[in-house]
Amino acid sequence: MNPFKTYRGLPKSIYILFFAQVINRFGDFVLPFLTLYLTKKLGYSYGTAGIIAMISSLLAIPGSLVGGKLADQIGRRKTYLMAQTLAGIFLVPCAFVQKPGIIVILLFLSTFCNAAVRPSISAIVADLLPPEERQLGYSLIYQGINIGVSLGPIVAGFLFNNYLSLLFIGDALTSFIAVGLVFMNIKETNPIHKEEAHSIPEESEEAGNILTVLWKRPQILAFLVIDIGYTFAYTQHRFSLPLMLDDIFQNKGAEAFGYLMSINAFTVIVMTVFIISITKRLKPLVNIIIAGVLYAIGFGMIGMIKSFTLFSISTILWTVGEILVVTNHGVYMANNSPKNFRGRFNSIGALSWASGSALGTSLMGRYMGIMGVRAVWPLTAAVAGTASILMLMLHIYSLNRSERLNGTSE
């Protein structure tokens, strides 16, 4: 299957975002190693590291809300440029500061700004593409992320062990390069008060505030609440997994984690186009239900294995689930969002992600401190399985609702 043919004919700005994501995520050195950095380099306990990671995740909530509001009001492009630049600036001092407290504060600020970037990216894709092409657009951006991530963690693992200050400098530098690429090549896409050729009834402009608009769309609220469970499970790949690997492989745990993250990214690069081709006719919720089952299996088996080969198989399983979630989550949100609320609806989606991530780190940090790292994985499997069942119930409700409303699009 030719990926170039699959993605042919998309707007130029989508390709620019793709390359910006490749560059930026190649240099996403700090976040994947945050747990190890907090415990091994700064000397924090598992519980304290979990609390810090929780606060970092929670800061993504106001960050995404601010970013979504700005994306709808001042524009997607301006929001991206401002927030991504600040995210990089806050990382630079971390390379030189010696006080752990100041480093943690700077990481918090960078996380806030990174969260403000995401709604603008999702809104640009929804602005430029009709509903039937959005899965392609979101999957291409996702491919860009993972092409960068396929190599980035290996470099980051080396820097973590040998040149720690460059971990922060490299992360910031790639952010600035991505900003330059967007600045020179992407124009504003905000469609407010403009007619869109691909507009559908669910995307018509609405008056009111975000709460009143959401209240009219209960399926979105239910979707976001259930999605917290998915994110709770998925977050364990960057919080609990590196600690599990460190426990099993000792000093080579960071290196093993880097390789698994590269397997994760390589799986995305190789399989995304294939998975889209066989799932594009399915409803977004059906694909996400399947993803929950794969999360339950892929993460659940980690507590019973010790060999790197089995860890690799586990990574492939939950990565396929990740592909299904990422390439369908944005489609479902965009297809149910008024066009003048796209940025804010995407920020609410980020709020759901941040909530699941915060719970996944804080609760698991405490649970791990009491029960041990191996006990994390049966609980993770249970959460993912329950979320998948709830998503199935939402899908059934949505089908019945669509019939009552004479075929309202899911």
Protein backbone atom coordinates (compact mmCIF):
# COMPACT_ATOMS: atom_id res chain seq x y z
CA MET A 1 0.00 0.00 0.00
CA ASN A 2 1.48 3.33 -1.12
CA PRO A 3 1.24 5.96 1.66
CA PHE A 4 2.09 8.76 -0.78
CA LYS A 5 -0.94 7.86 -2.89
CA THR A 6 -3.15 7.60 0.18
CA TYR A 7 -2.35 11.15 1.31
CA ARG A 8 -2.17 12.72 -2.15
CA GLY A 9 -4.29 15.81 -2.83
CA LEU A 10 -4.53 17.25 0.68
CA PRO A 11 -4.07 21.02 1.16
CA LYS A 12 -0.49 22.31 1.42
CA SER A 13 -1.02 23.49 5.00
CA ILE A 14 -1.74 19.91 6.10
CA TYR A 15 1.64 18.81 4.72
CA ILE A 16 3.36 21.72 6.46
CA LEU A 17 1.79 20.70 9.76
CA PHE A 18 3.00 17.17 9.09
CA PHE A 19 6.62 18.30 8.69
CA ALA A 20 6.34 20.62 11.70
CA GLN A 21 5.18 17.68 13.81
CA VAL A 22 8.04 15.49 12.55
CA ILE A 23 10.57 18.10 13.65
CA ASN A 24 8.90 19.03 16.92
CA ARG A 25 8.26 15.47 18.05
CA PHE A 26 11.73 14.28 17.10
CA GLY A 27 12.89 16.76 19.71
CA ASP A 28 10.23 15.85 22.27
CA PHE A 29 13.02 14.64 24.55
CA VAL A 30 11.82 15.65 28.01
CA LEU A 31 8.28 14.29 28.42
CA PRO A 32 8.98 10.58 27.68
CA PHE A 33 11.71 10.54 30.32
CA LEU A 34 9.94 12.75 32.85
CA THR A 35 9.32 9.98 35.39
CA LEU A 36 12.92 8.77 35.26
CA TYR A 37 14.22 12.34 35.36
CA LEU A 38 12.20 13.16 38.47
CA THR A 39 13.18 9.97 40.31
CA LYS A 40 16.72 9.26 39.10
CA LYS A 41 18.13 12.75 38.51
CA LEU A 42 16.18 14.99 40.89
CA GLY A 43 15.77 12.37 43.61
CA TYR A 44 12.00 12.43 44.04
CA SER A 45 10.11 9.37 45.30
CA TYR A 46 7.62 7.49 43.13
CA GLY A 47 4.75 9.13 44.99
CA THR A 48 6.16 12.64 44.64
CA ALA A 49 6.99 12.04 41.00
CA GLY A 50 3.40 10.95 40.48
CA ILE A 51 2.10 14.14 42.08
CA ILE A 52 4.41 16.30 39.94
CA ALA A 53 3.33 14.43 36.81
CA MET A 54 -0.30 14.86 37.89
CA ILE A 55 0.12 18.63 38.31
CA SER A 56 1.82 18.78 34.92
CA SER A 57 -1.13 16.96 33.37
CA LEU A 58 -3.65 19.16 35.18
CA LEU A 59 -1.93 22.29 33.88
CA ALA A 60 -2.74 21.04 30.40
CA ILE A 61 -6.41 21.67 31.22
CA PRO A 62 -6.22 25.48 31.55
CA GLY A 63 -3.55 25.48 28.85
CA SER A 64 -5.81 23.77 26.34
CA LEU A 65 -8.82 25.89 27.35
CA VAL A 66 -6.83 29.08 26.84
CA GLY A 67 -5.44 27.75 23.56
CA GLY A 68 -8.89 26.76 22.30
CA LYS A 69 -10.39 30.14 23.19
CA LEU A 70 -7.52 31.98 21.50
CA ALA A 71 -7.72 29.74 18.41
CA ASP A 72 -11.38 30.70 17.93
CA GLN A 73 -10.90 34.40 18.71
CA ILE A 74 -7.47 35.55 17.48
CA GLY A 75 -6.85 32.69 15.04
CA ARG A 76 -5.32 29.23 14.82
CA ARG A 77 -2.00 30.40 13.35
CA LYS A 78 -1.28 33.13 15.92
CA THR A 79 -2.14 30.78 18.77
CA TYR A 80 0.20 28.08 17.47
CA LEU A 81 3.11 30.47 16.94
CA MET A 82 2.80 32.13 20.33
CA ALA A 83 2.23 29.02 22.43
CA GLN A 84 4.85 26.80 20.75
CA THR A 85 7.50 29.52 21.03
CA LEU A 86 6.86 29.99 24.74
CA ALA A 87 6.91 26.22 25.32
CA GLY A 88 10.44 26.11 23.92
CA ILE A 89 11.63 29.21 25.77
CA PHE A 90 10.67 27.77 29.17
CA LEU A 91 12.75 24.63 28.54
CA VAL A 92 16.04 26.43 27.88
CA PRO A 93 16.82 27.45 31.50
CA CYS A 94 16.28 23.83 32.65
CA ALA A 95 19.62 22.99 31.02
CA PHE A 96 21.47 25.31 33.40
CA VAL A 97 19.42 25.64 36.60
CA GLN A 98 20.52 23.42 39.49
CA LYS A 99 17.53 23.80 41.83
CA PRO A 100 14.92 21.03 41.38
CA GLY A 101 12.03 23.28 42.44
CA ILE A 102 12.76 25.86 39.74
CA ILE A 103 13.19 23.15 37.11
CA VAL A 104 9.80 21.68 37.99
CA ILE A 105 8.13 25.11 37.71
CA LEU A 106 9.70 25.69 34.28
CA LEU A 107 8.50 22.26 33.15
CA PHE A 108 5.00 23.17 34.34
CA LEU A 109 5.04 26.38 32.29
CA SER A 110 6.26 24.54 29.19
CA THR A 111 3.52 21.94 29.62
CA PHE A 112 0.89 24.68 29.87
CA CYS A 113 2.05 26.25 26.61
CA ASN A 114 2.34 22.92 24.80
CA ALA A 115 -1.26 22.19 25.74
CA ALA A 116 -2.32 25.53 24.27
CA VAL A 117 -0.87 24.47 20.90
CA ARG A 118 -2.94 21.32 20.39
CA PRO A 119 -6.43 22.82 19.85
CA SER A 120 -5.11 25.06 17.07
CA ILE A 121 -3.59 22.10 15.19
CA SER A 122 -6.80 20.07 15.38
CA ALA A 123 -8.87 23.09 14.35
CA ILE A 124 -6.69 23.75 11.29
CA VAL A 125 -7.25 20.18 10.09
CA ALA A 126 -11.02 20.45 10.62
CA ASP A 127 -11.11 23.88 8.91
CA LEU A 128 -9.34 22.68 5.79
CA LEU A 129 -10.88 19.23 5.24
CA PRO A 130 -14.42 17.93 4.65
CA PRO A 131 -15.74 15.24 7.04
CA GLU A 132 -14.90 12.35 4.70
CA GLU A 133 -11.22 13.38 4.51
CA ARG A 134 -10.61 14.29 8.15
CA GLN A 135 -9.47 10.82 9.16
CA LEU A 136 -6.75 11.12 6.51
CA GLY A 137 -5.76 14.56 7.77
CA TYR A 138 -5.58 13.57 11.41
CA SER A 139 -3.74 10.37 10.55
CA LEU A 140 -1.12 12.26 8.54
CA ILE A 141 -0.47 14.63 11.45
CA TYR A 142 -0.28 11.57 13.67
CA GLN A 143 2.21 10.00 11.26
CA GLY A 144 4.35 13.12 11.53
CA ILE A 145 4.35 12.85 15.30
CA ASN A 146 5.46 9.25 15.19
CA ILE A 147 8.10 9.62 12.50
CA GLY A 148 9.74 12.09 14.86
CA VAL A 149 9.16 9.91 17.90
CA SER A 150 10.58 6.83 16.16
CA LEU A 151 14.07 8.34 16.38
CA GLY A 152 13.72 10.91 19.14
CA PRO A 153 13.59 8.58 22.19
CA ILE A 154 16.78 6.78 21.15
CA VAL A 155 18.60 10.11 20.99
CA ALA A 156 16.90 11.22 24.21
CA GLY A 157 17.93 8.03 26.02
CA PHE A 158 21.55 8.66 25.05
CA LEU A 159 21.36 12.31 26.14
CA PHE A 160 19.63 11.36 29.40
CA ASN A 161 22.53 9.13 30.40
CA ASN A 162 25.39 11.26 29.04
CA TYR A 163 24.51 14.89 28.25
CA LEU A 164 21.48 15.79 30.33
CA SER A 165 21.53 19.54 29.60
CA LEU A 166 21.22 18.87 25.85
CA LEU A 167 17.95 17.05 26.55
CA PHE A 168 16.34 20.44 27.21
CA ILE A 169 18.26 22.46 24.61
CA GLY A 170 17.40 19.98 21.85
CA ASP A 171 13.72 19.95 22.82
CA ALA A 172 13.54 23.75 22.72
CA LEU A 173 15.47 24.06 19.44
CA THR A 174 13.15 21.74 17.54
CA SER A 175 10.16 23.71 18.84
CA PHE A 176 11.64 26.89 17.37
CA ILE A 177 12.29 25.22 14.00
CA ALA A 178 8.68 24.01 13.84
CA VAL A 179 7.46 27.52 14.65
CA GLY A 180 9.52 28.94 11.79
CA LEU A 181 8.08 26.41 9.37
CA VAL A 182 4.49 27.26 10.31
CA PHE A 183 5.20 31.01 10.32
CA MET A 184 6.50 30.96 6.74
CA ASN A 185 4.00 28.59 5.17
CA ILE A 186 0.57 28.52 6.85
CA LYS A 187 -2.07 31.22 6.60
CA GLU A 188 -4.99 31.71 8.97
CA THR A 189 -7.78 29.13 8.47
CA ASN A 190 -10.44 30.31 10.96
CA PRO A 191 -13.79 29.90 9.10
CA ILE A 192 -15.99 32.00 11.41
CA HIS A 193 -18.66 33.91 9.47
CA LYS A 194 -17.51 32.26 6.23
CA GLU A 195 -19.28 29.61 4.20
CA GLU A 196 -17.52 26.27 3.95
CA ALA A 197 -18.09 24.08 0.92
CA HIS A 198 -17.89 20.98 3.12
CA SER A 199 -20.15 22.26 5.91
CA ILE A 200 -22.66 19.81 7.43
CA PRO A 201 -25.60 20.63 9.77
CA GLU A 202 -23.77 19.56 12.94
CA GLU A 203 -21.04 22.11 12.14
CA SER A 204 -23.28 25.15 11.68
CA GLU A 205 -22.38 28.17 13.80
CA GLU A 206 -24.12 28.41 17.16
CA ALA A 207 -24.64 31.29 19.57
CA GLY A 208 -23.96 31.07 23.28
CA ASN A 209 -21.05 29.91 25.38
CA ILE A 210 -19.23 26.60 25.44
CA LEU A 211 -21.39 25.19 28.25
CA THR A 212 -24.72 25.90 26.54
CA VAL A 213 -23.47 24.47 23.25
CA LEU A 214 -22.13 21.33 24.94
CA TRP A 215 -25.40 20.87 26.81
CA LYS A 216 -27.16 20.53 23.46
CA ARG A 217 -24.78 17.69 22.52
CA PRO A 218 -24.92 15.09 25.33
CA GLN A 219 -23.13 12.51 23.20
CA ILE A 220 -20.00 14.69 23.24
CA LEU A 221 -20.09 15.00 27.03
CA ALA A 222 -20.48 11.24 27.45
CA PHE A 223 -17.71 10.59 24.93
CA LEU A 224 -15.28 12.84 26.78
CA VAL A 225 -16.05 11.31 30.17
CA ILE A 226 -15.49 7.77 28.87
CA ASP A 227 -12.34 8.91 27.11
CA ILE A 228 -10.84 9.68 30.54
CA GLY A 229 -10.66 5.91 31.12
CA TYR A 230 -8.87 5.39 27.81
CA THR A 231 -6.33 8.06 28.67
CA PHE A 232 -5.89 6.67 32.19
CA ALA A 233 -4.78 3.38 30.64
CA TYR A 234 -2.71 4.89 27.84
CA THR A 235 -0.82 7.17 30.25
CA GLN A 236 0.80 4.14 31.85
CA HIS A 237 3.08 3.73 28.84
CA ARG A 238 4.98 6.85 29.86
CA PHE A 239 4.48 6.76 33.64
CA SER A 240 4.48 3.16 34.86
CA LEU A 241 6.19 1.41 31.94
CA PRO A 242 9.62 3.09 32.36
CA LEU A 243 9.55 2.23 36.06
CA MET A 244 8.63 -1.38 35.25
CA LEU A 245 11.50 -1.60 32.78
CA ASP A 246 13.89 -0.05 35.28
CA ASP A 247 12.82 -2.67 37.83
CA ILE A 248 13.43 -5.54 35.38
CA PHE A 249 16.41 -4.33 33.34
CA GLN A 250 18.06 -2.16 36.02
CA ASN A 251 20.58 0.30 34.51
CA LYS A 252 19.42 -0.52 30.99
CA GLY A 253 15.81 0.38 31.76
CA ALA A 254 16.00 3.84 30.13
CA GLU A 255 17.57 2.35 27.02
CA ALA A 256 14.91 -0.38 26.84
CA PHE A 257 12.18 2.23 27.21
CA GLY A 258 13.68 4.26 24.38
CA TYR A 259 13.66 1.23 22.10
CA LEU A 260 10.05 0.39 22.99
CA MET A 261 9.00 3.95 22.19
CA SER A 262 10.74 3.61 18.85
CA ILE A 263 8.86 0.34 18.24
CA ASN A 264 5.69 2.22 19.11
CA ALA A 265 6.47 4.93 16.57
CA PHE A 266 7.64 2.47 13.90
CA THR A 267 4.40 0.49 14.30
CA VAL A 268 2.41 3.66 13.77
CA ILE A 269 4.40 4.58 10.67
CA VAL A 270 4.07 1.12 9.12
CA MET A 271 0.51 0.24 10.09
CA THR A 272 -1.51 3.49 10.17
CA VAL A 273 -2.31 3.57 6.45
CA PHE A 274 -3.22 -0.12 6.48
CA ILE A 275 -5.44 0.24 9.56
CA ILE A 276 -7.22 3.27 8.08
CA SER A 277 -7.89 1.36 4.86
CA ILE A 278 -9.69 -1.44 6.72
CA THR A 279 -11.50 0.71 9.31
CA LYS A 280 -12.49 3.83 7.34
CA ARG A 281 -15.99 2.47 6.69
CA LEU A 282 -16.59 1.87 10.38
CA LYS A 283 -18.09 4.49 12.66
CA PRO A 284 -15.50 6.37 14.76
CA LEU A 285 -16.95 4.95 17.97
CA VAL A 286 -16.65 1.36 16.70
CA ASN A 287 -12.95 1.87 16.04
CA ILE A 288 -12.48 3.34 19.50
CA ILE A 289 -14.28 0.37 21.08
CA ILE A 290 -11.80 -1.97 19.39
CA ALA A 291 -8.98 0.22 20.69
CA GLY A 292 -10.16 -0.25 24.27
CA VAL A 293 -9.96 -4.03 23.91
CA LEU A 294 -6.41 -3.76 22.55
CA TYR A 295 -5.43 -1.49 25.45
CA ALA A 296 -6.77 -4.04 27.93
CA ILE A 297 -4.77 -6.87 26.35
CA GLY A 298 -1.59 -4.94 25.54
CA PHE A 299 -1.21 -3.24 28.92
CA GLY A 300 -2.67 -6.10 30.93
CA MET A 301 -0.01 -8.57 29.82
CA ILE A 302 2.86 -6.37 31.04
CA GLY A 303 2.46 -7.53 34.62
CA MET A 304 3.11 -11.14 33.57
CA ILE A 305 6.17 -10.77 31.32
CA LYS A 306 9.91 -10.22 31.69
CA SER A 307 11.49 -10.62 28.25
CA PHE A 308 12.07 -7.69 25.91
CA THR A 309 10.45 -9.66 23.07
CA LEU A 310 7.15 -9.89 24.95
CA PHE A 311 7.38 -6.22 25.89
CA SER A 312 7.73 -5.51 22.17
CA ILE A 313 4.60 -7.54 21.38
CA SER A 314 2.72 -5.73 24.13
CA THR A 315 3.82 -2.40 22.68
CA ILE A 316 2.57 -3.34 19.21
CA LEU A 317 -0.85 -4.32 20.60
CA TRP A 318 -1.50 -1.14 22.55
CA THR A 319 -0.01 0.91 19.70
CA VAL A 320 -2.66 -0.41 17.29
CA GLY A 321 -5.20 0.71 19.88
CA GLU A 322 -3.49 4.09 19.99
CA ILE A 323 -3.75 4.40 16.19
CA LEU A 324 -7.48 3.72 16.31
CA VAL A 325 -8.05 6.25 19.10
CA VAL A 326 -5.99 9.07 17.61
CA THR A 327 -7.31 8.75 14.04
CA ASN A 328 -10.96 8.62 15.16
CA HIS A 329 -11.12 10.85 18.25
CA GLY A 330 -10.62 14.07 16.29
CA VAL A 331 -13.02 12.95 13.56
CA TYR A 332 -15.81 12.33 16.06
CA MET A 333 -15.20 15.68 17.76
CA ALA A 334 -14.96 17.66 14.50
CA ASN A 335 -18.09 16.08 13.03
CA ASN A 336 -20.07 17.13 16.11
CA SER A 337 -18.58 20.63 16.64
CA PRO A 338 -20.00 23.99 15.47
CA LYS A 339 -17.36 25.58 13.26
CA ASN A 340 -17.17 28.69 15.45
CA PHE A 341 -16.43 26.46 18.47
CA ARG A 342 -13.86 24.10 16.93
CA GLY A 343 -10.95 25.43 18.94
CA ARG A 344 -12.88 25.30 22.20
CA PHE A 345 -14.35 21.86 21.51
CA ASN A 346 -10.85 20.59 20.82
CA SER A 347 -9.69 22.16 24.07
CA ILE A 348 -12.45 20.31 25.92
CA GLY A 349 -11.13 17.13 24.30
CA ALA A 350 -7.69 18.03 25.62
CA LEU A 351 -9.27 18.59 29.04
CA SER A 352 -10.54 15.00 28.96
CA TRP A 353 -7.06 13.80 28.03
CA ALA A 354 -5.44 15.86 30.77
CA SER A 355 -7.90 14.58 33.37
CA GLY A 356 -7.22 10.96 32.45
CA SER A 357 -3.50 11.59 32.40
CA ALA A 358 -3.58 13.31 35.80
CA LEU A 359 -5.58 10.48 37.35
CA GLY A 360 -3.38 7.90 35.66
CA THR A 361 -0.23 9.35 37.18
CA SER A 362 -1.39 10.46 40.63
CA LEU A 363 -3.51 7.42 41.49
CA MET A 364 -1.05 4.97 39.99
CA GLY A 365 1.83 6.65 41.80
CA ARG A 366 0.11 6.08 45.13
CA TYR A 367 -1.12 2.61 44.16
CA MET A 368 2.35 1.63 42.98
CA GLY A 369 3.90 2.82 46.23
CA ILE A 370 1.62 0.44 48.16
CA MET A 371 1.22 -2.53 45.83
CA GLY A 372 4.34 -2.40 43.66
CA VAL A 373 4.82 -1.70 39.97
CA ARG A 374 3.59 -5.13 38.80
CA ALA A 375 0.18 -4.54 40.36
CA VAL A 376 -0.39 -1.59 38.02
CA TRP A 377 -1.17 -3.67 34.96
CA PRO A 378 -4.23 -5.74 36.02
CA LEU A 379 -5.86 -2.49 37.17
CA THR A 380 -4.97 -0.81 33.88
CA ALA A 381 -6.54 -3.68 31.93
CA ALA A 382 -9.73 -3.43 34.02
CA VAL A 383 -10.03 0.32 33.42
CA ALA A 384 -9.50 -0.05 29.65
CA GLY A 385 -11.99 -2.91 29.40
CA THR A 386 -14.64 -0.99 31.32
CA ALA A 387 -14.12 2.10 29.15
CA SER A 388 -14.55 -0.01 26.02
CA ILE A 389 -17.87 -1.39 27.30
CA LEU A 390 -19.10 2.12 28.12
CA MET A 391 -18.09 3.30 24.64
CA LEU A 392 -20.14 0.44 23.19
CA MET A 393 -23.14 1.65 25.18
CA LEU A 394 -22.60 5.18 23.83
CA HIS A 395 -22.44 3.81 20.29
CA ILE A 396 -25.78 2.03 20.75
CA TYR A 397 -27.28 5.23 22.18
CA SER A 398 -25.90 7.25 19.24
CA LEU A 399 -27.40 4.85 16.70
CA ASN A 400 -30.81 5.07 18.38
CA ARG A 401 -30.53 8.86 18.59
CA SER A 402 -29.60 9.07 14.91
CA GLU A 403 -32.67 7.05 13.97
CA ARG A 404 -34.88 9.36 16.04
CA LEU A 405 -33.36 12.43 14.41
CA ASN A 406 -33.65 10.94 10.90
CA GLY A 407 -30.02 10.02 10.36
CA THR A 408 -28.05 12.64 12.27
CA SER A 409 -24.36 12.01 11.52
CA GLU A 410 -22.33 10.41 14.26
